[in-house]
Amino acid sequence: MKNLKTLLCVLAIAPLSSMVQAGSDSGIYVGGSLGTAKQSMTFELVKGEIDESDMGYKFFAGYNFGLFPLVDLAVEASYIDFGSVSSNVINQEFDVETSAWNVYGVAGINLGLVGLFGKVGTVAWESDVTFDTLDQDRALDGTDMAYGIGAKIQLDSFAVRAEYEYFDFEDIDTNMFSVGASITF
């Protein structure tokens, strides 16, 4: 009876050891993602707006401190190209191209192979607005807040991740849903 209890305890605890190890890879990581970026911009003067999506991509690098089992704490930087969106507002064709550099603090929890994370940071962004019919360009830029949530599946040092990011730009509401991969060194 005592051996049976010991065996049951070992069988109950054994999966926890792999759960602690899965996804706890600390160190430098790099990766890239592809996704859909949506940009919305309202032109108060002409009562028009752009509310379009395009394919975007990003490259990111970070450092996972790996201080606690089951918990990730990291810093991450990325470059994002949100693509190009256009719209016709009062017979004027507008094109908007936006890109950004981000720095995030990332916190996550690992649940075996699957991990969930959230991130908060700052974004330095730049948008080029082109008025095709007027042959004019307008550059917008700024530094604002950025937020994100995501999930990952991690096998040793390789991870596949999906995430949603919201960028609180001054003039252009922008968000991105992306799927990508990373590797930890």
C-alpha atoms as a PDB file:
ATOM      1  CA  MET A   1       0.000   0.000   0.000  1.00  0.00           C
ATOM      2  CA  LYS A   2       2.853   2.351   0.847  1.00  0.00           C
ATOM      3  CA  ASN A   3       4.552   1.624  -2.507  1.00  0.00           C
ATOM      4  CA  LEU A   4       1.279   2.324  -4.326  1.00  0.00           C
ATOM      5  CA  LYS A   5       0.975   5.739  -2.654  1.00  0.00           C
ATOM      6  CA  THR A   6       4.591   6.540  -3.529  1.00  0.00           C
ATOM      7  CA  LEU A   7       4.041   5.480  -7.145  1.00  0.00           C
ATOM      8  CA  LEU A   8       0.878   7.622  -7.392  1.00  0.00           C
ATOM      9  CA  CYS A   9       2.724  10.650  -5.952  1.00  0.00           C
ATOM     10  CA  VAL A  10       5.587  10.223  -8.428  1.00  0.00           C
ATOM     11  CA  LEU A  11       3.145   9.895 -11.339  1.00  0.00           C
ATOM     12  CA  ALA A  12       1.282  13.018 -10.190  1.00  0.00           C
ATOM     13  CA  ILE A  13       4.449  15.128  -9.796  1.00  0.00           C
ATOM     14  CA  ALA A  14       6.341  13.914 -12.899  1.00  0.00           C
ATOM     15  CA  PRO A  15       4.425  16.075 -15.415  1.00  0.00           C
ATOM     16  CA  LEU A  16       5.164  19.165 -13.308  1.00  0.00           C
ATOM     17  CA  SER A  17       8.912  18.797 -13.822  1.00  0.00           C
ATOM     18  CA  SER A  18       8.520  18.940 -17.592  1.00  0.00           C
ATOM     19  CA  MET A  19       6.078  21.830 -17.188  1.00  0.00           C
ATOM     20  CA  VAL A  20       8.722  23.812 -15.315  1.00  0.00           C
ATOM     21  CA  GLN A  21      11.321  23.108 -18.018  1.00  0.00           C
ATOM     22  CA  ALA A  22       9.128  23.721 -21.076  1.00  0.00           C
ATOM     23  CA  GLY A  23       9.291  27.358 -22.108  1.00  0.00           C
ATOM     24  CA  SER A  24      11.736  28.394 -19.407  1.00  0.00           C
ATOM     25  CA  ASP A  25      14.512  29.071 -21.908  1.00  0.00           C
ATOM     26  CA  SER A  26      16.286  32.230 -20.748  1.00  0.00           C
ATOM     27  CA  GLY A  27      18.658  34.329 -22.811  1.00  0.00           C
ATOM     28  CA  ILE A  28      18.647  36.285 -26.039  1.00  0.00           C
ATOM     29  CA  TYR A  29      15.898  35.549 -28.560  1.00  0.00           C
ATOM     30  CA  VAL A  30      15.221  36.777 -32.100  1.00  0.00           C
ATOM     31  CA  GLY A  31      12.293  36.286 -34.422  1.00  0.00           C
ATOM     32  CA  GLY A  32       9.928  37.594 -37.017  1.00  0.00           C
ATOM     33  CA  SER A  33       6.188  37.746 -37.656  1.00  0.00           C
ATOM     34  CA  LEU A  34       3.712  38.363 -40.458  1.00  0.00           C
ATOM     35  CA  GLY A  35       0.217  39.620 -39.961  1.00  0.00           C
ATOM     36  CA  THR A  36      -2.591  42.006 -40.665  1.00  0.00           C
ATOM     37  CA  ALA A  37      -2.145  45.642 -39.686  1.00  0.00           C
ATOM     38  CA  LYS A  38      -5.166  47.918 -39.490  1.00  0.00           C
ATOM     39  CA  GLN A  39      -4.820  51.694 -39.629  1.00  0.00           C
ATOM     40  CA  SER A  40      -7.604  54.186 -38.983  1.00  0.00           C
ATOM     41  CA  MET A  41      -7.260  57.922 -39.461  1.00  0.00           C
ATOM     42  CA  THR A  42      -9.954  60.619 -39.373  1.00  0.00           C
ATOM     43  CA  PHE A  43      -9.619  63.830 -41.344  1.00  0.00           C
ATOM     44  CA  GLU A  44     -11.707  66.374 -39.389  1.00  0.00           C
ATOM     45  CA  LEU A  45     -11.338  69.133 -41.976  1.00  0.00           C
ATOM     46  CA  VAL A  46     -12.932  67.122 -44.798  1.00  0.00           C
ATOM     47  CA  LYS A  47     -15.041  64.783 -42.610  1.00  0.00           C
ATOM     48  CA  GLY A  48     -13.439  61.665 -44.050  1.00  0.00           C
ATOM     49  CA  GLU A  49     -11.464  58.699 -42.807  1.00  0.00           C
ATOM     50  CA  ILE A  50      -9.144  55.863 -43.690  1.00  0.00           C
ATOM     51  CA  ASP A  51     -10.029  52.539 -42.067  1.00  0.00           C
ATOM     52  CA  GLU A  52      -8.105  49.873 -43.977  1.00  0.00           C
ATOM     53  CA  SER A  53      -5.861  46.847 -43.427  1.00  0.00           C
ATOM     54  CA  ASP A  54      -2.728  45.595 -45.151  1.00  0.00           C
ATOM     55  CA  MET A  55      -0.146  42.886 -44.590  1.00  0.00           C
ATOM     56  CA  GLY A  56       2.495  43.931 -42.118  1.00  0.00           C
ATOM     57  CA  TYR A  57       5.661  42.341 -40.798  1.00  0.00           C
ATOM     58  CA  LYS A  58       8.020  42.724 -37.903  1.00  0.00           C
ATOM     59  CA  PHE A  59      11.420  41.666 -36.666  1.00  0.00           C
ATOM     60  CA  PHE A  60      12.053  41.449 -32.944  1.00  0.00           C
ATOM     61  CA  ALA A  61      14.803  40.656 -30.466  1.00  0.00           C
ATOM     62  CA  GLY A  62      14.752  40.410 -26.718  1.00  0.00           C
ATOM     63  CA  TYR A  63      16.218  39.003 -23.569  1.00  0.00           C
ATOM     64  CA  ASN A  64      14.284  36.621 -21.310  1.00  0.00           C
ATOM     65  CA  PHE A  65      15.652  36.828 -17.783  1.00  0.00           C
ATOM     66  CA  GLY A  66      14.257  33.426 -16.696  1.00  0.00           C
ATOM     67  CA  LEU A  67      14.249  34.392 -13.027  1.00  0.00           C
ATOM     68  CA  PHE A  68      11.328  32.209 -11.915  1.00  0.00           C
ATOM     69  CA  PRO A  69      10.023  28.816 -13.038  1.00  0.00           C
ATOM     70  CA  LEU A  70       6.759  29.112 -14.986  1.00  0.00           C
ATOM     71  CA  VAL A  71       7.190  32.922 -15.278  1.00  0.00           C
ATOM     72  CA  ASP A  72       8.895  34.859 -18.075  1.00  0.00           C
ATOM     73  CA  LEU A  73      10.151  38.403 -17.596  1.00  0.00           C
ATOM     74  CA  ALA A  74      11.781  39.937 -20.659  1.00  0.00           C
ATOM     75  CA  VAL A  75      12.630  43.103 -22.529  1.00  0.00           C
ATOM     76  CA  GLU A  76      11.922  43.169 -26.251  1.00  0.00           C
ATOM     77  CA  ALA A  77      12.591  45.575 -29.125  1.00  0.00           C
ATOM     78  CA  SER A  78      11.070  45.374 -32.584  1.00  0.00           C
ATOM     79  CA  TYR A  79      10.764  47.045 -35.955  1.00  0.00           C
ATOM     80  CA  ILE A  80       7.315  46.933 -37.561  1.00  0.00           C
ATOM     81  CA  ASP A  81       6.225  47.825 -41.077  1.00  0.00           C
ATOM     82  CA  PHE A  82       2.442  48.223 -41.077  1.00  0.00           C
ATOM     83  CA  GLY A  83       2.182  48.208 -44.858  1.00  0.00           C
ATOM     84  CA  SER A  84       0.314  50.769 -46.936  1.00  0.00           C
ATOM     85  CA  VAL A  85      -3.376  51.620 -46.793  1.00  0.00           C
ATOM     86  CA  SER A  86      -5.347  53.981 -48.984  1.00  0.00           C
ATOM     87  CA  SER A  87      -8.797  55.482 -49.253  1.00  0.00           C
ATOM     88  CA  ASN A  88     -10.734  57.998 -51.291  1.00  0.00           C
ATOM     89  CA  VAL A  89     -12.003  60.954 -49.268  1.00  0.00           C
ATOM     90  CA  ILE A  90     -13.980  63.620 -51.160  1.00  0.00           C
ATOM     91  CA  ASN A  91     -12.390  62.675 -54.490  1.00  0.00           C
ATOM     92  CA  GLN A  92      -8.897  62.768 -52.971  1.00  0.00           C
ATOM     93  CA  GLU A  93      -6.857  59.564 -52.896  1.00  0.00           C
ATOM     94  CA  PHE A  94      -4.903  59.210 -49.620  1.00  0.00           C
ATOM     95  CA  ASP A  95      -2.126  56.669 -49.033  1.00  0.00           C
ATOM     96  CA  VAL A  96      -0.690  56.055 -45.571  1.00  0.00           C
ATOM     97  CA  GLU A  97       2.530  54.112 -44.938  1.00  0.00           C
ATOM     98  CA  THR A  98       3.507  53.583 -41.301  1.00  0.00           C
ATOM     99  CA  SER A  99       6.500  51.987 -39.593  1.00  0.00           C
ATOM    100  CA  ALA A 100       7.667  51.912 -35.980  1.00  0.00           C
ATOM    101  CA  TRP A 101      10.413  50.958 -33.540  1.00  0.00           C
ATOM    102  CA  ASN A 102       9.198  49.541 -30.200  1.00  0.00           C
ATOM    103  CA  VAL A 103      10.639  48.724 -26.795  1.00  0.00           C
ATOM    104  CA  TYR A 104       8.535  46.550 -24.477  1.00  0.00           C
ATOM    105  CA  GLY A 105       8.577  45.053 -21.032  1.00  0.00           C
ATOM    106  CA  VAL A 106       7.157  41.527 -21.369  1.00  0.00           C
ATOM    107  CA  ALA A 107       5.660  39.315 -18.652  1.00  0.00           C
ATOM    108  CA  GLY A 108       4.362  35.818 -19.261  1.00  0.00           C
ATOM    109  CA  ILE A 109       3.325  32.564 -17.706  1.00  0.00           C
ATOM    110  CA  ASN A 110       4.258  29.123 -19.030  1.00  0.00           C
ATOM    111  CA  LEU A 111       1.703  26.332 -18.849  1.00  0.00           C
ATOM    112  CA  GLY A 112       3.768  23.468 -20.217  1.00  0.00           C
ATOM    113  CA  LEU A 113       4.301  23.824 -23.946  1.00  0.00           C
ATOM    114  CA  VAL A 114       1.901  26.776 -24.099  1.00  0.00           C
ATOM    115  CA  GLY A 115       2.674  30.205 -22.714  1.00  0.00           C
ATOM    116  CA  LEU A 116       0.659  33.401 -22.406  1.00  0.00           C
ATOM    117  CA  PHE A 117       2.221  36.861 -22.316  1.00  0.00           C
ATOM    118  CA  GLY A 118       1.440  40.546 -22.140  1.00  0.00           C
ATOM    119  CA  LYS A 119       3.616  43.506 -22.972  1.00  0.00           C
ATOM    120  CA  VAL A 120       3.658  47.254 -22.443  1.00  0.00           C
ATOM    121  CA  GLY A 121       6.093  49.706 -23.910  1.00  0.00           C
ATOM    122  CA  THR A 122       6.835  52.721 -25.991  1.00  0.00           C
ATOM    123  CA  VAL A 123       6.777  53.119 -29.754  1.00  0.00           C
ATOM    124  CA  ALA A 124       8.536  55.648 -31.998  1.00  0.00           C
ATOM    125  CA  TRP A 125       6.466  55.756 -35.190  1.00  0.00           C
ATOM    126  CA  GLU A 126       6.473  57.512 -38.520  1.00  0.00           C
ATOM    127  CA  SER A 127       3.698  57.787 -41.119  1.00  0.00           C
ATOM    128  CA  ASP A 128       3.893  59.210 -44.608  1.00  0.00           C
ATOM    129  CA  VAL A 129       0.532  60.449 -45.861  1.00  0.00           C
ATOM    130  CA  THR A 130       0.423  61.014 -49.607  1.00  0.00           C
ATOM    131  CA  PHE A 131      -2.364  62.948 -51.284  1.00  0.00           C
ATOM    132  CA  ASP A 132      -2.180  61.477 -54.788  1.00  0.00           C
ATOM    133  CA  THR A 133      -4.397  63.953 -56.611  1.00  0.00           C
ATOM    134  CA  LEU A 134      -2.706  66.956 -54.976  1.00  0.00           C
ATOM    135  CA  ASP A 135       0.876  65.660 -55.325  1.00  0.00           C
ATOM    136  CA  GLN A 136       1.491  66.462 -51.662  1.00  0.00           C
ATOM    137  CA  ASP A 137       3.033  64.496 -48.815  1.00  0.00           C
ATOM    138  CA  ARG A 138       2.606  64.930 -45.088  1.00  0.00           C
ATOM    139  CA  ALA A 139       4.897  63.269 -42.560  1.00  0.00           C
ATOM    140  CA  LEU A 140       3.509  62.387 -39.154  1.00  0.00           C
ATOM    141  CA  ASP A 141       5.590  60.997 -36.326  1.00  0.00           C
ATOM    142  CA  GLY A 142       5.643  60.640 -32.600  1.00  0.00           C
ATOM    143  CA  THR A 143       6.454  58.577 -29.543  1.00  0.00           C
ATOM    144  CA  ASP A 144       3.505  56.933 -27.830  1.00  0.00           C
ATOM    145  CA  MET A 145       2.441  53.890 -25.810  1.00  0.00           C
ATOM    146  CA  ALA A 146       2.033  50.360 -27.193  1.00  0.00           C
ATOM    147  CA  TYR A 147       0.372  47.280 -25.681  1.00  0.00           C
ATOM    148  CA  GLY A 148       0.151  43.628 -26.628  1.00  0.00           C
ATOM    149  CA  ILE A 149      -1.081  40.204 -25.613  1.00  0.00           C
ATOM    150  CA  GLY A 150      -0.178  36.840 -27.053  1.00  0.00           C
ATOM    151  CA  ALA A 151       0.308  33.130 -26.784  1.00  0.00           C
ATOM    152  CA  LYS A 152       3.186  30.880 -27.732  1.00  0.00           C
ATOM    153  CA  ILE A 153       3.990  27.233 -28.165  1.00  0.00           C
ATOM    154  CA  GLN A 154       7.586  26.547 -27.172  1.00  0.00           C
ATOM    155  CA  LEU A 155       9.677  23.464 -27.930  1.00  0.00           C
ATOM    156  CA  ASP A 156      13.099  23.822 -26.352  1.00  0.00           C
ATOM    157  CA  SER A 157      14.545  27.045 -27.804  1.00  0.00           C
ATOM    158  CA  PHE A 158      12.102  27.354 -30.750  1.00  0.00           C
ATOM    159  CA  ALA A 159       8.724  29.066 -30.289  1.00  0.00           C
ATOM    160  CA  VAL A 160       5.741  29.810 -32.497  1.00  0.00           C
ATOM    161  CA  ARG A 161       3.729  32.774 -31.289  1.00  0.00           C
ATOM    162  CA  ALA A 162       0.565  34.677 -32.120  1.00  0.00           C
ATOM    163  CA  GLU A 163      -0.072  38.136 -30.780  1.00  0.00           C
ATOM    164  CA  TYR A 164      -2.265  41.201 -30.936  1.00  0.00           C
ATOM    165  CA  GLU A 165      -0.690  44.646 -30.504  1.00  0.00           C
ATOM    166  CA  TYR A 166      -2.352  48.028 -30.131  1.00  0.00           C
ATOM    167  CA  PHE A 167      -0.441  51.241 -30.824  1.00  0.00           C
ATOM    168  CA  ASP A 168      -1.795  54.434 -29.295  1.00  0.00           C
ATOM    169  CA  PHE A 169      -0.538  56.797 -32.021  1.00  0.00           C
ATOM    170  CA  GLU A 170      -1.525  60.442 -31.738  1.00  0.00           C
ATOM    171  CA  ASP A 171      -3.184  60.732 -35.167  1.00  0.00           C
ATOM    172  CA  ILE A 172      -3.575  57.170 -36.437  1.00  0.00           C
ATOM    173  CA  ASP A 173      -5.205  54.287 -34.562  1.00  0.00           C
ATOM    174  CA  THR A 174      -3.156  51.223 -35.445  1.00  0.00           C
ATOM    175  CA  ASN A 175      -3.296  47.601 -34.386  1.00  0.00           C
ATOM    176  CA  MET A 176      -1.736  44.402 -35.642  1.00  0.00           C
ATOM    177  CA  PHE A 177      -2.475  40.698 -35.350  1.00  0.00           C
ATOM    178  CA  SER A 178       0.556  38.579 -36.268  1.00  0.00           C
ATOM    179  CA  VAL A 179       1.889  35.036 -36.221  1.00  0.00           C
ATOM    180  CA  GLY A 180       5.599  34.334 -36.131  1.00  0.00           C
ATOM    181  CA  ALA A 181       8.470  32.326 -34.738  1.00  0.00           C
ATOM    182  CA  SER A 182      11.446  32.936 -32.482  1.00  0.00           C
ATOM    183  CA  ILE A 183      14.573  31.144 -31.386  1.00  0.00           C
ATOM    184  CA  THR A 184      16.410  31.558 -28.077  1.00  0.00           C
ATOM    185  CA  PHE A 185      20.199  31.340 -27.958  1.00  0.00           C
END
